[in-house]
Amino acid sequence: MSIATGIVLFVIGAILTFALNFETGWVNLDLIGYILMGAGVVVFVIGLIMLTRNRTAVTSRHVAADPVSGERVSRTVTETDDPVL
């Protein structure tokens, strides 16, 4: 998601900087374009870093017998170091 957002920001910034040839008195479109291109590069790099980071998950399954009924009871626990999940 953030990789696509970075590309979109970069493209919008490039259009503002290189494709539009009119001037406004109250805003510099070239400067806004360069800022958007810089922000797009930063968001793209952050997206790449988040994509390539190591994520580990440990799944444990515990099986025991219920002392009252004698049935097998299983429990699965998944532990991860990813704060998003």
Protein backbone atom coordinates (compact mmCIF):
# COMPACT_ATOMS: atom_id res chain seq x y z
CA MET A 1 0.00 0.00 0.00
CA SER A 2 2.68 2.50 0.92
CA ILE A 3 4.77 1.59 -2.12
CA ALA A 4 1.88 2.53 -4.41
CA THR A 5 1.26 5.70 -2.42
CA GLY A 6 4.90 6.71 -2.85
CA ILE A 7 4.70 6.15 -6.59
CA VAL A 8 1.47 8.19 -6.83
CA LEU A 9 2.99 11.07 -4.86
CA PHE A 10 6.07 11.03 -7.06
CA VAL A 11 4.01 11.04 -10.27
CA ILE A 12 1.80 13.91 -9.09
CA GLY A 13 4.89 15.87 -8.09
CA ALA A 14 6.54 15.22 -11.46
CA ILE A 15 3.40 16.40 -13.27
CA LEU A 16 3.29 19.58 -11.21
CA THR A 17 6.98 20.25 -11.79
CA PHE A 18 7.56 19.28 -15.40
CA ALA A 19 4.21 19.13 -17.22
CA LEU A 20 2.40 22.27 -16.09
CA ASN A 21 3.62 25.51 -17.64
CA PHE A 22 1.54 28.19 -15.98
CA GLU A 23 2.32 30.44 -13.03
CA THR A 24 0.21 31.47 -10.11
CA GLY A 25 0.92 34.49 -7.96
CA TRP A 26 0.24 32.85 -4.63
CA VAL A 27 1.83 29.39 -4.96
CA ASN A 28 4.95 28.00 -6.62
CA LEU A 29 3.85 24.78 -8.35
CA ASP A 30 7.44 23.71 -9.05
CA LEU A 31 8.28 23.79 -5.34
CA ILE A 32 5.16 21.84 -4.43
CA GLY A 33 6.03 19.30 -7.14
CA TYR A 34 9.56 18.84 -5.78
CA ILE A 35 8.18 18.44 -2.24
CA LEU A 36 5.69 15.81 -3.41
CA MET A 37 8.42 13.94 -5.33
CA GLY A 38 10.62 13.94 -2.21
CA ALA A 39 7.75 12.74 -0.05
CA GLY A 40 6.99 10.03 -2.61
CA VAL A 41 10.56 8.75 -2.48
CA VAL A 42 10.52 8.70 1.33
CA VAL A 43 7.18 6.83 1.46
CA PHE A 44 8.41 4.38 -1.20
CA VAL A 45 11.59 3.61 0.76
CA ILE A 46 9.64 3.17 4.01
CA GLY A 47 7.31 0.76 2.20
CA LEU A 48 10.28 -1.26 0.94
CA ILE A 49 11.79 -1.41 4.42
CA MET A 50 8.51 -2.58 5.92
CA LEU A 51 8.16 -5.19 3.19
CA THR A 52 11.61 -6.71 3.71
CA ARG A 53 11.75 -6.79 7.51
CA ASN A 54 11.91 -10.17 9.22
CA ARG A 55 8.69 -11.39 10.79
CA THR A 56 8.54 -14.56 12.82
CA ALA A 57 5.57 -16.51 14.07
CA VAL A 58 5.65 -19.49 16.42
CA THR A 59 2.69 -21.85 16.56
CA SER A 60 2.36 -24.28 19.45
CA ARG A 61 -0.26 -27.00 19.78
CA HIS A 62 -1.02 -28.48 23.18
CA VAL A 63 -3.01 -31.70 23.46
CA ALA A 64 -4.28 -32.96 26.81
CA ALA A 65 -6.98 -35.20 28.18
CA ASP A 66 -9.93 -33.74 30.07
CA PRO A 67 -9.83 -35.38 33.54
CA VAL A 68 -13.63 -35.47 33.89
CA SER A 69 -14.79 -36.74 30.52
CA GLY A 70 -11.56 -38.29 29.24
CA GLU A 71 -11.83 -36.47 25.88
CA ARG A 72 -8.80 -35.09 24.10
CA VAL A 73 -8.63 -31.32 24.26
CA SER A 74 -6.32 -29.38 21.97
CA ARG A 75 -5.31 -25.77 22.04
CA THR A 76 -3.32 -23.89 19.39
CA VAL A 77 -1.37 -20.75 20.31
CA THR A 78 0.27 -18.48 17.74
CA GLU A 79 2.83 -15.93 18.90
CA THR A 80 4.24 -13.31 16.53
CA ASP A 81 6.61 -10.38 16.88
CA ASP A 82 4.68 -8.34 14.30
CA PRO A 83 2.78 -5.56 16.13
CA VAL A 84 0.29 -5.22 13.27
CA LEU A 85 -0.99 -8.78 13.53
